[in-house]
Amino acid sequence: MRAFVVWLRERHGIAADDAPVNLLAVSMDVVAAYADAMRAMIGRYGKPLAPATRARRLSSLSALYKHGVEEQRNSHWR
């Protein structure tokens, strides 16, 4: 999740001291762009990110958004 937030900040020129990033306001197009960008990212050891790393990061985002949608749906019916 942290890598996604760092990427978002870099992409939009948002400094770490600026307002927090609203992850629930991010569109699927942005997540798709992140998935594409990960193909060009270099990992800690100077090699491209492994497919498993990319999949794990996308899985984390998927879980976050699934939870967010469920929370919105549940709060609507409270």
N, C-alpha and C. Protein backbone atom coordinates (compact mmCIF):
# COMPACT_ATOMS: atom_id res chain seq x y z
N MET A 1 0.82 -1.18 0.00
CA MET A 1 0.00 0.00 0.00
C MET A 1 0.88 1.26 0.00
N ARG A 2 1.94 1.18 0.77
CA ARG A 2 2.83 2.35 0.84
C ARG A 2 3.41 2.68 -0.54
N ALA A 3 3.79 1.66 -1.29
CA ALA A 3 4.36 1.89 -2.62
C ALA A 3 3.35 2.58 -3.53
N PHE A 4 2.08 2.22 -3.41
CA PHE A 4 1.04 2.83 -4.23
C PHE A 4 0.89 4.31 -3.86
N VAL A 5 0.89 4.61 -2.57
CA VAL A 5 0.74 6.00 -2.12
C VAL A 5 1.94 6.83 -2.59
N VAL A 6 3.14 6.26 -2.48
CA VAL A 6 4.34 6.97 -2.95
C VAL A 6 4.23 7.24 -4.44
N TRP A 7 3.80 6.24 -5.21
CA TRP A 7 3.63 6.40 -6.65
C TRP A 7 2.60 7.48 -6.96
N LEU A 8 1.47 7.46 -6.24
CA LEU A 8 0.44 8.48 -6.45
C LEU A 8 0.99 9.88 -6.19
N ARG A 9 1.71 10.02 -5.10
CA ARG A 9 2.27 11.33 -4.76
C ARG A 9 3.25 11.80 -5.84
N GLU A 10 4.11 10.90 -6.30
CA GLU A 10 5.07 11.26 -7.35
C GLU A 10 4.35 11.61 -8.64
N ARG A 11 3.35 10.83 -8.98
CA ARG A 11 2.60 11.03 -10.24
C ARG A 11 1.90 12.39 -10.27
N HIS A 12 1.39 12.79 -9.12
CA HIS A 12 0.62 14.03 -9.05
C HIS A 12 1.39 15.18 -8.41
N GLY A 13 2.66 14.96 -8.11
CA GLY A 13 3.48 16.03 -7.54
C GLY A 13 3.02 16.48 -6.16
N ILE A 14 2.57 15.53 -5.33
CA ILE A 14 2.10 15.85 -3.98
C ILE A 14 3.22 15.54 -3.00
N ALA A 15 3.66 16.55 -2.27
CA ALA A 15 4.71 16.35 -1.28
C ALA A 15 4.17 15.57 -0.09
N ALA A 16 5.05 14.86 0.60
CA ALA A 16 4.64 14.07 1.75
C ALA A 16 4.04 14.93 2.86
N ASP A 17 4.43 16.21 2.91
CA ASP A 17 3.90 17.11 3.94
C ASP A 17 2.54 17.67 3.58
N ASP A 18 2.10 17.48 2.35
CA ASP A 18 0.80 17.99 1.92
C ASP A 18 -0.32 17.12 2.50
N ALA A 19 -1.51 17.43 2.11
CA ALA A 19 -2.69 16.71 2.60
C ALA A 19 -2.57 15.22 2.30
N PRO A 20 -3.20 14.38 3.13
CA PRO A 20 -3.16 12.94 2.89
C PRO A 20 -3.89 12.57 1.59
N VAL A 21 -3.49 11.46 1.02
CA VAL A 21 -4.11 10.97 -0.21
C VAL A 21 -5.40 10.23 0.15
N ASN A 22 -6.48 10.57 -0.52
CA ASN A 22 -7.76 9.89 -0.30
C ASN A 22 -7.81 8.67 -1.22
N LEU A 23 -7.47 7.53 -0.69
CA LEU A 23 -7.40 6.32 -1.51
C LEU A 23 -8.76 5.90 -2.05
N LEU A 24 -9.83 6.22 -1.35
CA LEU A 24 -11.16 5.84 -1.83
C LEU A 24 -11.65 6.70 -2.97
N ALA A 25 -10.93 7.78 -3.27
CA ALA A 25 -11.30 8.64 -4.40
C ALA A 25 -10.55 8.26 -5.67
N VAL A 26 -9.70 7.26 -5.60
CA VAL A 26 -8.89 6.84 -6.74
C VAL A 26 -9.74 6.00 -7.70
N SER A 27 -9.65 6.29 -8.98
CA SER A 27 -10.43 5.55 -9.97
C SER A 27 -9.70 4.28 -10.41
N MET A 28 -10.44 3.40 -11.05
CA MET A 28 -9.85 2.17 -11.57
C MET A 28 -8.81 2.46 -12.65
N ASP A 29 -8.99 3.57 -13.38
CA ASP A 29 -8.00 3.95 -14.39
C ASP A 29 -6.64 4.23 -13.75
N VAL A 30 -6.65 4.83 -12.57
CA VAL A 30 -5.41 5.12 -11.86
C VAL A 30 -4.76 3.82 -11.39
N VAL A 31 -5.57 2.90 -10.89
CA VAL A 31 -5.03 1.60 -10.45
C VAL A 31 -4.45 0.85 -11.65
N ALA A 32 -5.11 0.91 -12.79
CA ALA A 32 -4.59 0.28 -14.01
C ALA A 32 -3.28 0.92 -14.44
N ALA A 33 -3.18 2.24 -14.31
CA ALA A 33 -1.93 2.93 -14.65
C ALA A 33 -0.82 2.50 -13.70
N TYR A 34 -1.16 2.30 -12.43
CA TYR A 34 -0.17 1.82 -11.46
C TYR A 34 0.31 0.42 -11.84
N ALA A 35 -0.63 -0.44 -12.23
CA ALA A 35 -0.26 -1.80 -12.65
C ALA A 35 0.70 -1.75 -13.84
N ASP A 36 0.43 -0.87 -14.80
CA ASP A 36 1.33 -0.71 -15.94
C ASP A 36 2.68 -0.15 -15.51
N ALA A 37 2.66 0.82 -14.61
CA ALA A 37 3.90 1.45 -14.15
C ALA A 37 4.78 0.46 -13.40
N MET A 38 4.17 -0.48 -12.70
CA MET A 38 4.96 -1.46 -11.94
C MET A 38 5.82 -2.32 -12.85
N ARG A 39 5.41 -2.49 -14.10
CA ARG A 39 6.22 -3.30 -15.02
C ARG A 39 7.59 -2.67 -15.27
N ALA A 40 7.67 -1.35 -15.13
CA ALA A 40 8.93 -0.64 -15.36
C ALA A 40 9.69 -0.34 -14.06
N MET A 41 9.07 -0.62 -12.92
CA MET A 41 9.71 -0.31 -11.64
C MET A 41 10.87 -1.26 -11.35
N ILE A 42 11.85 -0.72 -10.68
CA ILE A 42 13.03 -1.48 -10.28
C ILE A 42 12.94 -1.75 -8.79
N GLY A 43 13.18 -2.99 -8.39
CA GLY A 43 13.12 -3.38 -6.99
C GLY A 43 14.38 -3.02 -6.23
N ARG A 44 14.46 -3.49 -5.02
CA ARG A 44 15.59 -3.18 -4.13
C ARG A 44 16.94 -3.61 -4.68
N TYR A 45 16.97 -4.68 -5.38
CA TYR A 45 18.25 -5.24 -5.82
C TYR A 45 18.59 -4.89 -7.26
N GLY A 46 17.95 -3.84 -7.78
CA GLY A 46 18.26 -3.38 -9.12
C GLY A 46 17.64 -4.19 -10.24
N LYS A 47 16.69 -5.06 -9.88
CA LYS A 47 16.00 -5.87 -10.89
C LYS A 47 14.54 -5.42 -10.96
N PRO A 48 13.89 -5.68 -12.09
CA PRO A 48 12.46 -5.35 -12.19
C PRO A 48 11.67 -6.08 -11.10
N LEU A 49 10.54 -5.49 -10.73
CA LEU A 49 9.69 -6.14 -9.73
C LEU A 49 9.24 -7.51 -10.26
N ALA A 50 9.27 -8.47 -9.38
CA ALA A 50 8.85 -9.82 -9.75
C ALA A 50 7.33 -9.83 -9.98
N PRO A 51 6.86 -10.70 -10.85
CA PRO A 51 5.41 -10.81 -11.06
C PRO A 51 4.65 -11.05 -9.76
N ALA A 52 5.23 -11.83 -8.85
CA ALA A 52 4.56 -12.09 -7.57
C ALA A 52 4.44 -10.81 -6.74
N THR A 53 5.43 -9.96 -6.80
CA THR A 53 5.38 -8.68 -6.07
C THR A 53 4.29 -7.79 -6.65
N ARG A 54 4.24 -7.71 -7.96
CA ARG A 54 3.19 -6.90 -8.60
C ARG A 54 1.81 -7.44 -8.24
N ALA A 55 1.66 -8.75 -8.29
CA ALA A 55 0.36 -9.36 -7.97
C ALA A 55 -0.01 -9.11 -6.51
N ARG A 56 0.95 -9.20 -5.61
CA ARG A 56 0.68 -8.97 -4.19
C ARG A 56 0.24 -7.53 -3.94
N ARG A 57 0.89 -6.59 -4.60
CA ARG A 57 0.52 -5.18 -4.45
C ARG A 57 -0.88 -4.92 -4.98
N LEU A 58 -1.20 -5.50 -6.12
CA LEU A 58 -2.55 -5.32 -6.68
C LEU A 58 -3.60 -6.01 -5.81
N SER A 59 -3.24 -7.14 -5.24
CA SER A 59 -4.16 -7.85 -4.35
C SER A 59 -4.47 -7.01 -3.12
N SER A 60 -3.46 -6.35 -2.59
CA SER A 60 -3.67 -5.47 -1.42
C SER A 60 -4.62 -4.33 -1.77
N LEU A 61 -4.42 -3.74 -2.94
CA LEU A 61 -5.31 -2.66 -3.37
C LEU A 61 -6.74 -3.17 -3.57
N SER A 62 -6.85 -4.35 -4.16
CA SER A 62 -8.16 -4.94 -4.39
C SER A 62 -8.89 -5.15 -3.07
N ALA A 63 -8.19 -5.65 -2.07
CA ALA A 63 -8.79 -5.88 -0.76
C ALA A 63 -9.22 -4.56 -0.12
N LEU A 64 -8.39 -3.54 -0.25
CA LEU A 64 -8.73 -2.22 0.30
C LEU A 64 -10.01 -1.69 -0.35
N TYR A 65 -10.08 -1.74 -1.66
CA TYR A 65 -11.24 -1.18 -2.35
C TYR A 65 -12.48 -2.02 -2.12
N LYS A 66 -12.32 -3.32 -2.02
CA LYS A 66 -13.47 -4.18 -1.72
C LYS A 66 -14.02 -3.82 -0.33
N HIS A 67 -13.13 -3.65 0.63
CA HIS A 67 -13.54 -3.28 1.98
C HIS A 67 -14.20 -1.90 1.97
N GLY A 68 -13.62 -0.96 1.25
CA GLY A 68 -14.18 0.39 1.18
C GLY A 68 -15.57 0.41 0.59
N VAL A 69 -15.79 -0.36 -0.46
CA VAL A 69 -17.11 -0.43 -1.08
C VAL A 69 -18.11 -1.06 -0.12
N GLU A 70 -17.70 -2.11 0.57
CA GLU A 70 -18.59 -2.76 1.53
C GLU A 70 -18.94 -1.80 2.67
N GLU A 71 -17.97 -1.05 3.13
CA GLU A 71 -18.22 -0.07 4.20
C GLU A 71 -19.21 1.00 3.74
N GLN A 72 -19.03 1.49 2.52
CA GLN A 72 -19.96 2.49 2.01
C GLN A 72 -21.37 1.92 1.90
N ARG A 73 -21.45 0.70 1.41
CA ARG A 73 -22.76 0.06 1.26
C ARG A 73 -23.42 -0.15 2.62
N ASN A 74 -22.62 -0.61 3.60
CA ASN A 74 -23.17 -0.86 4.93
C ASN A 74 -23.56 0.44 5.63
N SER A 75 -22.78 1.50 5.45
CA SER A 75 -23.11 2.76 6.11
C SER A 75 -24.37 3.38 5.51
N HIS A 76 -24.63 3.06 4.24
CA HIS A 76 -25.84 3.56 3.59
C HIS A 76 -27.10 2.99 4.25
N TRP A 77 -27.00 1.75 4.72
CA TRP A 77 -28.18 1.07 5.28
C TRP A 77 -28.26 1.21 6.80
N ARG A 78 -27.38 1.94 7.43
CA ARG A 78 -27.44 2.10 8.89
C ARG A 78 -28.43 3.14 9.28
